[in-house]
């Protein structure tokens, strides 16, 4: 993974681009890493669960689509069977609480002050149409073509035996990556080149 990051012209382009891209990538990667750790370690500390929720909350404050990624990743964490255990239930609740501590006040403020749940730029740039889907597919396809080896590695990693909880935990980062790419397709990509959204 480190070699993939260093070798990526897309990451190099946006690392110093002055936008929220680098911060968002850092927060989502750290949050998903902690959630995967929670899934792999039955006795993971409460601090890990709280940090995971707070990191997802900070990612939401950076880019609003992080709320959807959190919701999907958190539900997958629960569905992996961890919710049935005492520690799994506790960690799921703590993680959710950490996220809601940042998400809820911001969302209430946004709804009261602006009257809309996401920034105006979201409404200005997106809209479900065939043209948007085509642009999104082209945008995401260009990204995957330039990073095809890593996309192929993700695809090959998915079907390996998932009999244990520790092995099933690998589904969390794979699901988040896939969900993020599907989101990029549906919003039509980005106006900037070099796969910033990806």
C-alpha atoms as a PDB file:
ATOM      1  CA  UNK A   1       0.000   0.000   0.000  1.00  0.00           C
ATOM      2  CA  UNK A   2       2.796   2.453   0.782  1.00  0.00           C
ATOM      3  CA  UNK A   3       4.411   1.797  -2.605  1.00  0.00           C
ATOM      4  CA  UNK A   4       1.046   2.349  -4.313  1.00  0.00           C
ATOM      5  CA  UNK A   5       0.634   5.703  -2.578  1.00  0.00           C
ATOM      6  CA  UNK A   6       4.180   6.854  -3.370  1.00  0.00           C
ATOM      7  CA  UNK A   7       3.923   5.738  -7.013  1.00  0.00           C
ATOM      8  CA  UNK A   8       0.555   7.407  -7.624  1.00  0.00           C
ATOM      9  CA  UNK A   9       0.710  10.530  -9.749  1.00  0.00           C
ATOM     10  CA  UNK A  10      -2.860  11.240  -8.607  1.00  0.00           C
ATOM     11  CA  UNK A  11      -1.861  11.314  -4.942  1.00  0.00           C
ATOM     12  CA  UNK A  12       1.221  13.402  -5.769  1.00  0.00           C
ATOM     13  CA  UNK A  13      -0.940  15.895  -7.634  1.00  0.00           C
ATOM     14  CA  UNK A  14      -3.470  16.385  -4.840  1.00  0.00           C
ATOM     15  CA  UNK A  15      -1.165  16.034  -1.820  1.00  0.00           C
ATOM     16  CA  UNK A  16      -0.145  19.652  -2.256  1.00  0.00           C
ATOM     17  CA  UNK A  17      -3.227  20.879  -4.075  1.00  0.00           C
ATOM     18  CA  UNK A  18      -4.420  23.040  -1.188  1.00  0.00           C
ATOM     19  CA  UNK A  19      -7.872  21.427  -1.073  1.00  0.00           C
ATOM     20  CA  UNK A  20      -9.400  19.091   1.501  1.00  0.00           C
ATOM     21  CA  UNK A  21      -8.357  15.973  -0.435  1.00  0.00           C
ATOM     22  CA  UNK A  22      -5.289  15.001   1.596  1.00  0.00           C
ATOM     23  CA  UNK A  23      -6.953  15.585   4.955  1.00  0.00           C
ATOM     24  CA  UNK A  24     -10.042  13.636   3.905  1.00  0.00           C
ATOM     25  CA  UNK A  25      -7.940  10.714   2.654  1.00  0.00           C
ATOM     26  CA  UNK A  26      -5.962  10.665   5.913  1.00  0.00           C
ATOM     27  CA  UNK A  27      -9.069  10.732   8.120  1.00  0.00           C
ATOM     28  CA  UNK A  28     -10.975   8.059   6.161  1.00  0.00           C
ATOM     29  CA  UNK A  29      -7.928   5.788   5.964  1.00  0.00           C
ATOM     30  CA  UNK A  30      -7.253   6.099   9.700  1.00  0.00           C
ATOM     31  CA  UNK A  31     -10.924   5.585  10.598  1.00  0.00           C
ATOM     32  CA  UNK A  32     -11.293   2.506   8.389  1.00  0.00           C
ATOM     33  CA  UNK A  33      -8.016   1.168   9.784  1.00  0.00           C
ATOM     34  CA  UNK A  34      -9.325   1.478  13.333  1.00  0.00           C
ATOM     35  CA  UNK A  35     -12.686  -0.063  12.414  1.00  0.00           C
ATOM     36  CA  UNK A  36     -10.852  -2.988  10.810  1.00  0.00           C
ATOM     37  CA  UNK A  37      -8.778  -3.319  13.977  1.00  0.00           C
ATOM     38  CA  UNK A  38     -11.996  -3.420  16.022  1.00  0.00           C
ATOM     39  CA  UNK A  39     -13.290  -6.186  13.765  1.00  0.00           C
ATOM     40  CA  UNK A  40     -10.058  -8.201  14.010  1.00  0.00           C
ATOM     41  CA  UNK A  41      -9.475  -7.909  17.754  1.00  0.00           C
ATOM     42  CA  UNK A  42     -12.224  -9.215  19.962  1.00  0.00           C
ATOM     43  CA  UNK A  43     -10.928  -7.339  22.984  1.00  0.00           C
ATOM     44  CA  UNK A  44     -10.124  -4.028  21.309  1.00  0.00           C
ATOM     45  CA  UNK A  45     -10.009  -1.070  23.658  1.00  0.00           C
ATOM     46  CA  UNK A  46     -12.884   1.361  24.068  1.00  0.00           C
ATOM     47  CA  UNK A  47     -10.466   4.136  23.126  1.00  0.00           C
ATOM     48  CA  UNK A  48     -10.031   2.535  19.700  1.00  0.00           C
ATOM     49  CA  UNK A  49     -13.803   2.513  19.142  1.00  0.00           C
ATOM     50  CA  UNK A  50     -14.133   6.139  20.259  1.00  0.00           C
ATOM     51  CA  UNK A  51     -11.190   7.264  18.102  1.00  0.00           C
ATOM     52  CA  UNK A  52     -12.716   5.458  15.121  1.00  0.00           C
ATOM     53  CA  UNK A  53     -16.041   7.274  15.513  1.00  0.00           C
ATOM     54  CA  UNK A  54     -14.357  10.640  16.045  1.00  0.00           C
ATOM     55  CA  UNK A  55     -12.149  10.178  12.964  1.00  0.00           C
ATOM     56  CA  UNK A  56     -15.214   9.378  10.862  1.00  0.00           C
ATOM     57  CA  UNK A  57     -16.884  12.461  12.360  1.00  0.00           C
ATOM     58  CA  UNK A  58     -13.905  14.652  11.435  1.00  0.00           C
ATOM     59  CA  UNK A  59     -13.946  13.160   7.932  1.00  0.00           C
ATOM     60  CA  UNK A  60     -17.643  14.124   7.698  1.00  0.00           C
ATOM     61  CA  UNK A  61     -16.778  17.690   8.694  1.00  0.00           C
ATOM     62  CA  UNK A  62     -14.211  17.651   5.872  1.00  0.00           C
ATOM     63  CA  UNK A  63     -16.451  16.133   3.178  1.00  0.00           C
ATOM     64  CA  UNK A  64     -20.144  15.290   3.767  1.00  0.00           C
ATOM     65  CA  UNK A  65     -20.066  11.952   1.908  1.00  0.00           C
ATOM     66  CA  UNK A  66     -18.055  10.538   4.819  1.00  0.00           C
ATOM     67  CA  UNK A  67     -21.376  10.153   6.659  1.00  0.00           C
ATOM     68  CA  UNK A  68     -22.515   7.626   4.065  1.00  0.00           C
ATOM     69  CA  UNK A  69     -19.194   5.793   4.189  1.00  0.00           C
ATOM     70  CA  UNK A  70     -19.412   5.664   7.982  1.00  0.00           C
ATOM     71  CA  UNK A  71     -22.984   4.363   7.902  1.00  0.00           C
ATOM     72  CA  UNK A  72     -22.138   1.609   5.450  1.00  0.00           C
ATOM     73  CA  UNK A  73     -18.897   0.602   7.184  1.00  0.00           C
ATOM     74  CA  UNK A  74     -20.510   0.650  10.625  1.00  0.00           C
ATOM     75  CA  UNK A  75     -23.434  -1.507   9.464  1.00  0.00           C
ATOM     76  CA  UNK A  76     -21.014  -3.973   7.842  1.00  0.00           C
ATOM     77  CA  UNK A  77     -19.056  -4.090  11.111  1.00  0.00           C
ATOM     78  CA  UNK A  78     -22.270  -4.947  12.930  1.00  0.00           C
ATOM     79  CA  UNK A  79     -23.321  -7.511  10.294  1.00  0.00           C
ATOM     80  CA  UNK A  80     -19.984  -9.323  10.458  1.00  0.00           C
ATOM     81  CA  UNK A  81     -21.311 -10.965  13.597  1.00  0.00           C
ATOM     82  CA  UNK A  82     -19.545  -8.768  16.099  1.00  0.00           C
ATOM     83  CA  UNK A  83     -22.743  -7.235  17.403  1.00  0.00           C
ATOM     84  CA  UNK A  84     -23.723 -10.497  19.092  1.00  0.00           C
ATOM     85  CA  UNK A  85     -20.758 -10.327  21.462  1.00  0.00           C
ATOM     86  CA  UNK A  86     -20.717  -8.105  24.520  1.00  0.00           C
ATOM     87  CA  UNK A  87     -17.531  -6.306  23.481  1.00  0.00           C
ATOM     88  CA  UNK A  88     -18.723  -6.007  19.894  1.00  0.00           C
ATOM     89  CA  UNK A  89     -21.966  -4.347  21.009  1.00  0.00           C
ATOM     90  CA  UNK A  90     -20.092  -2.004  23.328  1.00  0.00           C
ATOM     91  CA  UNK A  91     -17.552  -1.045  20.672  1.00  0.00           C
ATOM     92  CA  UNK A  92     -20.254  -0.520  18.039  1.00  0.00           C
ATOM     93  CA  UNK A  93     -22.158   1.801  20.398  1.00  0.00           C
ATOM     94  CA  UNK A  94     -19.023   3.752  21.375  1.00  0.00           C
ATOM     95  CA  UNK A  95     -17.981   4.149  17.733  1.00  0.00           C
ATOM     96  CA  UNK A  96     -21.459   5.377  16.787  1.00  0.00           C
ATOM     97  CA  UNK A  97     -21.470   7.752  19.743  1.00  0.00           C
ATOM     98  CA  UNK A  98     -18.110   9.223  18.722  1.00  0.00           C
ATOM     99  CA  UNK A  99     -19.365   9.857  15.215  1.00  0.00           C
ATOM    100  CA  UNK A 100     -22.688  11.344  16.367  1.00  0.00           C
ATOM    101  CA  UNK A 101     -20.880  13.678  18.802  1.00  0.00           C
ATOM    102  CA  UNK A 102     -19.503  15.553  15.775  1.00  0.00           C
ATOM    103  CA  UNK A 103     -22.154  14.783  13.165  1.00  0.00           C
ATOM    104  CA  UNK A 104     -25.340  15.661  15.098  1.00  0.00           C
ATOM    105  CA  UNK A 105     -24.501  19.224  16.226  1.00  0.00           C
ATOM    106  CA  UNK A 106     -23.138  20.104  12.802  1.00  0.00           C
ATOM    107  CA  UNK A 107     -26.176  18.683  11.002  1.00  0.00           C
ATOM    108  CA  UNK A 108     -28.589  20.497  13.331  1.00  0.00           C
ATOM    109  CA  UNK A 109     -26.718  23.764  12.742  1.00  0.00           C
ATOM    110  CA  UNK A 110     -26.710  23.195   8.965  1.00  0.00           C
ATOM    111  CA  UNK A 111     -30.442  22.451   8.861  1.00  0.00           C
ATOM    112  CA  UNK A 112     -31.376  25.381  11.108  1.00  0.00           C
ATOM    113  CA  UNK A 113     -29.077  27.933   9.494  1.00  0.00           C
ATOM    114  CA  UNK A 114     -29.001  26.872   5.830  1.00  0.00           C
ATOM    115  CA  UNK A 115     -32.071  24.663   5.578  1.00  0.00           C
ATOM    116  CA  UNK A 116     -30.145  21.964   3.666  1.00  0.00           C
ATOM    117  CA  UNK A 117     -28.183  18.930   4.871  1.00  0.00           C
ATOM    118  CA  UNK A 118     -25.198  19.326   2.506  1.00  0.00           C
ATOM    119  CA  UNK A 119     -23.328  22.323   1.044  1.00  0.00           C
ATOM    120  CA  UNK A 120     -24.661  24.190  -1.996  1.00  0.00           C
ATOM    121  CA  UNK A 121     -21.736  22.942  -4.077  1.00  0.00           C
ATOM    122  CA  UNK A 122     -23.162  19.416  -3.822  1.00  0.00           C
ATOM    123  CA  UNK A 123     -26.466  20.494  -5.354  1.00  0.00           C
ATOM    124  CA  UNK A 124     -24.731  22.616  -7.993  1.00  0.00           C
ATOM    125  CA  UNK A 125     -22.381  19.839  -9.146  1.00  0.00           C
ATOM    126  CA  UNK A 126     -24.565  16.748  -8.914  1.00  0.00           C
ATOM    127  CA  UNK A 127     -27.860  15.389 -10.122  1.00  0.00           C
ATOM    128  CA  UNK A 128     -28.907  11.936 -11.165  1.00  0.00           C
ATOM    129  CA  UNK A 129     -28.905  11.797 -14.955  1.00  0.00           C
ATOM    130  CA  UNK A 130     -27.549   9.574 -17.689  1.00  0.00           C
ATOM    131  CA  UNK A 131     -24.970  12.222 -18.593  1.00  0.00           C
ATOM    132  CA  UNK A 132     -23.762  12.361 -14.977  1.00  0.00           C
ATOM    133  CA  UNK A 133     -23.481   8.575 -14.799  1.00  0.00           C
ATOM    134  CA  UNK A 134     -21.485   8.527 -18.034  1.00  0.00           C
ATOM    135  CA  UNK A 135     -19.159  11.238 -16.724  1.00  0.00           C
ATOM    136  CA  UNK A 136     -18.780   9.370 -13.441  1.00  0.00           C
ATOM    137  CA  UNK A 137     -18.032   6.086 -15.187  1.00  0.00           C
ATOM    138  CA  UNK A 138     -15.460   7.787 -17.402  1.00  0.00           C
ATOM    139  CA  UNK A 139     -13.851   9.557 -14.442  1.00  0.00           C
ATOM    140  CA  UNK A 140     -13.695   6.424 -12.289  1.00  0.00           C
ATOM    141  CA  UNK A 141     -12.632   4.277 -15.236  1.00  0.00           C
ATOM    142  CA  UNK A 142      -9.699   6.588 -15.967  1.00  0.00           C
ATOM    143  CA  UNK A 143      -8.633   6.313 -12.343  1.00  0.00           C
ATOM    144  CA  UNK A 144      -8.917   2.526 -12.311  1.00  0.00           C
ATOM    145  CA  UNK A 145      -7.039   2.197 -15.593  1.00  0.00           C
ATOM    146  CA  UNK A 146      -4.130   4.141 -14.179  1.00  0.00           C
ATOM    147  CA  UNK A 147      -4.237   2.144 -10.924  1.00  0.00           C
ATOM    148  CA  UNK A 148      -5.402  -1.171 -12.388  1.00  0.00           C
ATOM    149  CA  UNK A 149      -2.855  -3.354 -10.627  1.00  0.00           C
ATOM    150  CA  UNK A 150      -4.107  -2.239  -7.229  1.00  0.00           C
ATOM    151  CA  UNK A 151      -7.761  -2.550  -8.248  1.00  0.00           C
ATOM    152  CA  UNK A 152      -7.029  -6.080  -9.477  1.00  0.00           C
ATOM    153  CA  UNK A 153      -5.348  -6.912  -6.158  1.00  0.00           C
ATOM    154  CA  UNK A 154      -8.493  -5.777  -4.313  1.00  0.00           C
ATOM    155  CA  UNK A 155     -10.646  -7.929  -6.562  1.00  0.00           C
ATOM    156  CA  UNK A 156      -8.471 -10.970  -6.033  1.00  0.00           C
ATOM    157  CA  UNK A 157      -8.346 -10.464  -2.267  1.00  0.00           C
ATOM    158  CA  UNK A 158     -12.131 -10.450  -1.843  1.00  0.00           C
ATOM    159  CA  UNK A 159     -12.998 -14.136  -2.366  1.00  0.00           C
ATOM    160  CA  UNK A 160     -10.333 -15.765  -0.162  1.00  0.00           C
ATOM    161  CA  UNK A 161     -11.671 -17.920   2.719  1.00  0.00           C
ATOM    162  CA  UNK A 162     -13.592 -15.784   5.168  1.00  0.00           C
ATOM    163  CA  UNK A 163     -14.352 -18.370   7.831  1.00  0.00           C
ATOM    164  CA  UNK A 164     -12.977 -16.427  10.786  1.00  0.00           C
ATOM    165  CA  UNK A 165     -13.805 -12.970  12.086  1.00  0.00           C
ATOM    166  CA  UNK A 166     -10.175 -11.898  11.615  1.00  0.00           C
ATOM    167  CA  UNK A 167     -10.368 -12.792   7.935  1.00  0.00           C
ATOM    168  CA  UNK A 168     -13.819 -11.285   7.457  1.00  0.00           C
ATOM    169  CA  UNK A 169     -12.464  -7.958   8.708  1.00  0.00           C
ATOM    170  CA  UNK A 170     -10.761  -7.468   5.318  1.00  0.00           C
ATOM    171  CA  UNK A 171     -14.227  -6.849   3.870  1.00  0.00           C
ATOM    172  CA  UNK A 172     -14.433  -3.490   5.684  1.00  0.00           C
ATOM    173  CA  UNK A 173     -11.721  -1.611   3.739  1.00  0.00           C
ATOM    174  CA  UNK A 174     -12.705  -3.316   0.479  1.00  0.00           C
ATOM    175  CA  UNK A 175     -16.349  -2.314   0.986  1.00  0.00           C
ATOM    176  CA  UNK A 176     -15.413   1.293   1.803  1.00  0.00           C
ATOM    177  CA  UNK A 177     -13.244   1.572  -1.329  1.00  0.00           C
ATOM    178  CA  UNK A 178     -16.022   0.105  -3.496  1.00  0.00           C
ATOM    179  CA  UNK A 179     -18.687   2.331  -1.906  1.00  0.00           C
ATOM    180  CA  UNK A 180     -16.521   5.436  -2.431  1.00  0.00           C
ATOM    181  CA  UNK A 181     -16.011   4.563  -6.102  1.00  0.00           C
ATOM    182  CA  UNK A 182     -19.742   3.940  -6.615  1.00  0.00           C
ATOM    183  CA  UNK A 183     -20.449   7.331  -5.023  1.00  0.00           C
ATOM    184  CA  UNK A 184     -17.986   8.986  -7.413  1.00  0.00           C
ATOM    185  CA  UNK A 185     -19.769   7.373 -10.373  1.00  0.00           C
ATOM    186  CA  UNK A 186     -23.194   8.587  -9.203  1.00  0.00           C
ATOM    187  CA  UNK A 187     -22.080  12.178  -8.615  1.00  0.00           C
ATOM    188  CA  UNK A 188     -20.478  12.328 -12.049  1.00  0.00           C
ATOM    189  CA  UNK A 189     -16.848  12.486 -10.974  1.00  0.00           C
ATOM    190  CA  UNK A 190     -15.175  15.804 -10.368  1.00  0.00           C
ATOM    191  CA  UNK A 191     -14.362  18.906 -12.379  1.00  0.00           C
ATOM    192  CA  UNK A 192     -10.675  18.500 -11.538  1.00  0.00           C
ATOM    193  CA  UNK A 193      -8.481  15.930 -13.311  1.00  0.00           C
ATOM    194  CA  UNK A 194      -6.272  13.213 -11.777  1.00  0.00           C
ATOM    195  CA  UNK A 195      -8.970  11.351  -9.851  1.00  0.00           C
ATOM    196  CA  UNK A 196      -9.234  13.715  -6.884  1.00  0.00           C
ATOM    197  CA  UNK A 197     -12.460  12.107  -5.673  1.00  0.00           C
ATOM    198  CA  UNK A 198     -11.048   8.617  -6.119  1.00  0.00           C
END
